[in-house]
Every structure is written in structure tokens, then in C-alpha cells.
């Protein structure tokens, strides 16, 4: 199984938010954002910060992909 964060990047587009903006608003590093782009594992704290920023649930930013 893999995790996809495409929903999060779509939310960023919908909110006219760039990676730099996400970094500044959540305190995430560019390295963490790169992990999200690659679909790599990140800590739950990272996902929580993103959900707080977008006022959404985990299912709004990530999904499990069955390979």
C-alpha cells in the first residue's frame, strides 16, 4: 500500500497556495514537503499541522492507494 497526498496539493491549488506559503504557515521544512510530493511516510504531527491550516480532515489531504 502507498499513500497519496494529491488531495493536499489540489487543496493548495484551490487556495492559491505555493509550497513556500505552506512552509511559512505550518512551519514544515522543504524536506518534509518534498516527502509529501514523493508520497513518502511523514509523521502524524505533519498531517495534523496541514489539517489545521486547511481546517479539514485527514481524508481531505491523503488517501491510501492499494497497489
N, C-alpha and C. Protein backbone atom coordinates (compact mmCIF):
# COMPACT_ATOMS: atom_id res chain seq x y z
N UNK A 1 0.84 -1.19 0.00
CA UNK A 1 0.00 0.00 0.00
C UNK A 1 0.88 1.25 0.00
N UNK A 2 0.37 2.27 -0.60
CA UNK A 2 1.07 3.55 -0.67
C UNK A 2 0.09 4.66 -0.27
N UNK A 3 0.67 5.77 0.10
CA UNK A 3 -0.14 6.93 0.46
C UNK A 3 0.02 7.99 -0.61
N UNK A 4 -1.08 8.59 -1.00
CA UNK A 4 -1.07 9.67 -1.97
C UNK A 4 -1.53 10.96 -1.29
N UNK A 5 -0.79 12.03 -1.52
CA UNK A 5 -1.15 13.34 -0.97
C UNK A 5 -1.63 14.29 -2.07
N UNK A 6 -2.08 13.72 -3.19
CA UNK A 6 -2.56 14.55 -4.30
C UNK A 6 -3.70 15.46 -3.87
N UNK A 7 -4.54 14.97 -2.97
CA UNK A 7 -5.66 15.79 -2.49
C UNK A 7 -5.15 17.06 -1.79
N UNK A 8 -4.06 16.92 -1.06
CA UNK A 8 -3.49 18.07 -0.37
C UNK A 8 -2.99 19.11 -1.38
N UNK A 9 -2.30 18.63 -2.42
CA UNK A 9 -1.78 19.56 -3.41
C UNK A 9 -2.91 20.20 -4.21
N UNK A 10 -4.01 19.49 -4.39
CA UNK A 10 -5.18 20.10 -5.03
C UNK A 10 -5.76 21.19 -4.14
N UNK A 11 -5.82 20.92 -2.83
CA UNK A 11 -6.29 21.95 -1.89
C UNK A 11 -5.40 23.19 -1.95
N UNK A 12 -4.10 22.96 -2.05
CA UNK A 12 -3.18 24.09 -2.15
C UNK A 12 -3.49 24.92 -3.40
N UNK A 13 -3.74 24.26 -4.52
CA UNK A 13 -4.08 24.97 -5.75
C UNK A 13 -5.38 25.73 -5.57
N UNK A 14 -6.38 25.09 -4.97
CA UNK A 14 -7.67 25.73 -4.74
C UNK A 14 -7.55 26.97 -3.86
N UNK A 15 -6.58 26.95 -2.93
CA UNK A 15 -6.37 28.08 -2.03
C UNK A 15 -5.27 29.02 -2.53
N UNK A 16 -4.85 28.81 -3.78
CA UNK A 16 -3.80 29.62 -4.40
C UNK A 16 -2.57 29.68 -3.48
N UNK A 17 -2.17 28.53 -2.97
CA UNK A 17 -1.06 28.43 -2.03
C UNK A 17 0.11 27.70 -2.68
N UNK A 18 1.28 28.28 -2.55
CA UNK A 18 2.50 27.65 -3.06
C UNK A 18 3.20 26.90 -1.92
N UNK A 19 4.18 26.11 -2.28
CA UNK A 19 4.92 25.35 -1.26
C UNK A 19 5.52 26.27 -0.20
N UNK A 20 6.01 27.41 -0.65
CA UNK A 20 6.60 28.39 0.27
C UNK A 20 5.56 28.86 1.28
N UNK A 21 4.33 29.10 0.81
CA UNK A 21 3.26 29.54 1.70
C UNK A 21 2.92 28.45 2.73
N UNK A 22 2.87 27.20 2.27
CA UNK A 22 2.59 26.09 3.18
C UNK A 22 3.68 25.99 4.23
N UNK A 23 4.92 26.14 3.81
CA UNK A 23 6.06 26.09 4.73
C UNK A 23 5.93 27.17 5.80
N UNK A 24 5.63 28.39 5.38
CA UNK A 24 5.53 29.51 6.32
C UNK A 24 4.35 29.36 7.28
N UNK A 25 3.22 28.89 6.78
CA UNK A 25 2.02 28.81 7.60
C UNK A 25 2.01 27.63 8.56
N UNK A 26 2.73 26.56 8.20
CA UNK A 26 2.70 25.36 9.04
C UNK A 26 4.01 25.10 9.77
N UNK A 27 5.08 25.75 9.34
CA UNK A 27 6.38 25.52 9.95
C UNK A 27 7.07 24.27 9.45
N UNK A 28 6.54 23.66 8.40
CA UNK A 28 7.15 22.46 7.83
C UNK A 28 8.41 22.84 7.05
N UNK A 29 9.32 21.91 6.94
CA UNK A 29 10.53 22.15 6.16
C UNK A 29 10.28 21.79 4.70
N UNK A 30 11.16 22.29 3.84
CA UNK A 30 11.05 21.91 2.43
C UNK A 30 11.28 20.42 2.25
N UNK A 31 12.11 19.83 3.12
CA UNK A 31 12.36 18.39 3.06
C UNK A 31 11.10 17.60 3.32
N UNK A 32 10.31 18.04 4.29
CA UNK A 32 9.05 17.36 4.60
C UNK A 32 8.06 17.51 3.46
N UNK A 33 8.01 18.69 2.88
CA UNK A 33 7.11 18.92 1.75
C UNK A 33 7.54 18.05 0.57
N UNK A 34 8.84 17.88 0.39
CA UNK A 34 9.35 17.01 -0.68
C UNK A 34 8.92 15.56 -0.44
N UNK A 35 8.94 15.13 0.82
CA UNK A 35 8.47 13.78 1.15
C UNK A 35 7.00 13.61 0.76
N UNK A 36 6.21 14.63 1.04
CA UNK A 36 4.79 14.58 0.68
C UNK A 36 4.63 14.48 -0.84
N UNK A 37 5.43 15.23 -1.58
CA UNK A 37 5.35 15.19 -3.04
C UNK A 37 5.69 13.80 -3.58
N UNK A 38 6.60 13.11 -2.89
CA UNK A 38 7.01 11.78 -3.33
C UNK A 38 6.12 10.66 -2.78
N UNK A 39 5.16 11.03 -1.94
CA UNK A 39 4.28 10.03 -1.35
C UNK A 39 4.95 9.21 -0.27
N UNK A 40 5.98 9.77 0.34
CA UNK A 40 6.70 9.07 1.39
C UNK A 40 5.99 9.25 2.73
N UNK A 41 6.37 8.41 3.69
CA UNK A 41 5.78 8.50 5.03
C UNK A 41 6.24 9.76 5.76
N UNK A 42 5.33 10.38 6.46
CA UNK A 42 5.63 11.53 7.30
C UNK A 42 4.98 11.30 8.66
N UNK A 43 5.41 12.05 9.64
CA UNK A 43 4.85 11.91 10.98
C UNK A 43 3.42 12.43 11.01
N UNK A 44 2.65 11.87 11.93
CA UNK A 44 1.26 12.28 12.08
C UNK A 44 1.16 13.76 12.43
N UNK A 45 2.14 14.27 13.15
CA UNK A 45 2.17 15.69 13.52
C UNK A 45 2.17 16.59 12.29
N UNK A 46 2.85 16.15 11.24
CA UNK A 46 2.89 16.90 9.98
C UNK A 46 1.50 16.98 9.38
N UNK A 47 0.82 15.85 9.32
CA UNK A 47 -0.53 15.81 8.75
C UNK A 47 -1.50 16.65 9.60
N UNK A 48 -1.29 16.62 10.90
CA UNK A 48 -2.14 17.42 11.80
C UNK A 48 -1.97 18.91 11.52
N UNK A 49 -0.75 19.37 11.32
CA UNK A 49 -0.49 20.78 11.02
C UNK A 49 -1.18 21.19 9.72
N UNK A 50 -1.10 20.31 8.73
CA UNK A 50 -1.72 20.61 7.43
C UNK A 50 -3.24 20.67 7.58
N UNK A 51 -3.81 19.71 8.31
CA UNK A 51 -5.26 19.70 8.52
C UNK A 51 -5.73 20.96 9.25
N UNK A 52 -4.95 21.40 10.23
CA UNK A 52 -5.30 22.63 10.95
C UNK A 52 -5.28 23.83 10.02
N UNK A 53 -4.28 23.89 9.15
CA UNK A 53 -4.16 25.01 8.22
C UNK A 53 -5.35 25.06 7.27
N UNK A 54 -5.77 23.92 6.76
CA UNK A 54 -6.88 23.87 5.80
C UNK A 54 -8.23 23.64 6.47
N UNK A 55 -8.22 23.47 7.80
CA UNK A 55 -9.46 23.20 8.53
C UNK A 55 -10.20 22.01 7.90
N UNK A 56 -9.49 20.89 7.82
CA UNK A 56 -10.05 19.72 7.16
C UNK A 56 -9.69 18.45 7.91
N UNK A 57 -10.13 17.31 7.40
CA UNK A 57 -9.85 16.01 7.97
C UNK A 57 -8.72 15.33 7.17
N UNK A 58 -8.14 14.28 7.75
CA UNK A 58 -7.08 13.54 7.07
C UNK A 58 -7.51 13.05 5.69
N UNK A 59 -8.75 12.60 5.59
CA UNK A 59 -9.23 12.07 4.32
C UNK A 59 -9.32 13.15 3.23
N UNK A 60 -9.25 14.42 3.64
CA UNK A 60 -9.28 15.52 2.67
C UNK A 60 -7.90 15.80 2.07
N UNK A 61 -6.84 15.27 2.70
CA UNK A 61 -5.49 15.56 2.21
C UNK A 61 -4.72 14.31 1.79
N UNK A 62 -5.16 13.13 2.21
CA UNK A 62 -4.42 11.91 1.90
C UNK A 62 -5.37 10.76 1.62
N UNK A 63 -4.86 9.80 0.86
CA UNK A 63 -5.63 8.58 0.63
C UNK A 63 -4.67 7.41 0.46
N UNK A 64 -5.15 6.23 0.83
CA UNK A 64 -4.38 5.01 0.70
C UNK A 64 -4.63 4.43 -0.69
N UNK A 65 -3.55 4.10 -1.38
CA UNK A 65 -3.64 3.52 -2.71
C UNK A 65 -3.22 2.06 -2.61
N UNK A 66 -4.12 1.17 -2.97
CA UNK A 66 -3.80 -0.27 -2.99
C UNK A 66 -3.06 -0.57 -4.29
N UNK A 67 -1.89 -1.14 -4.15
CA UNK A 67 -1.07 -1.38 -5.34
C UNK A 67 -1.36 -2.77 -5.90
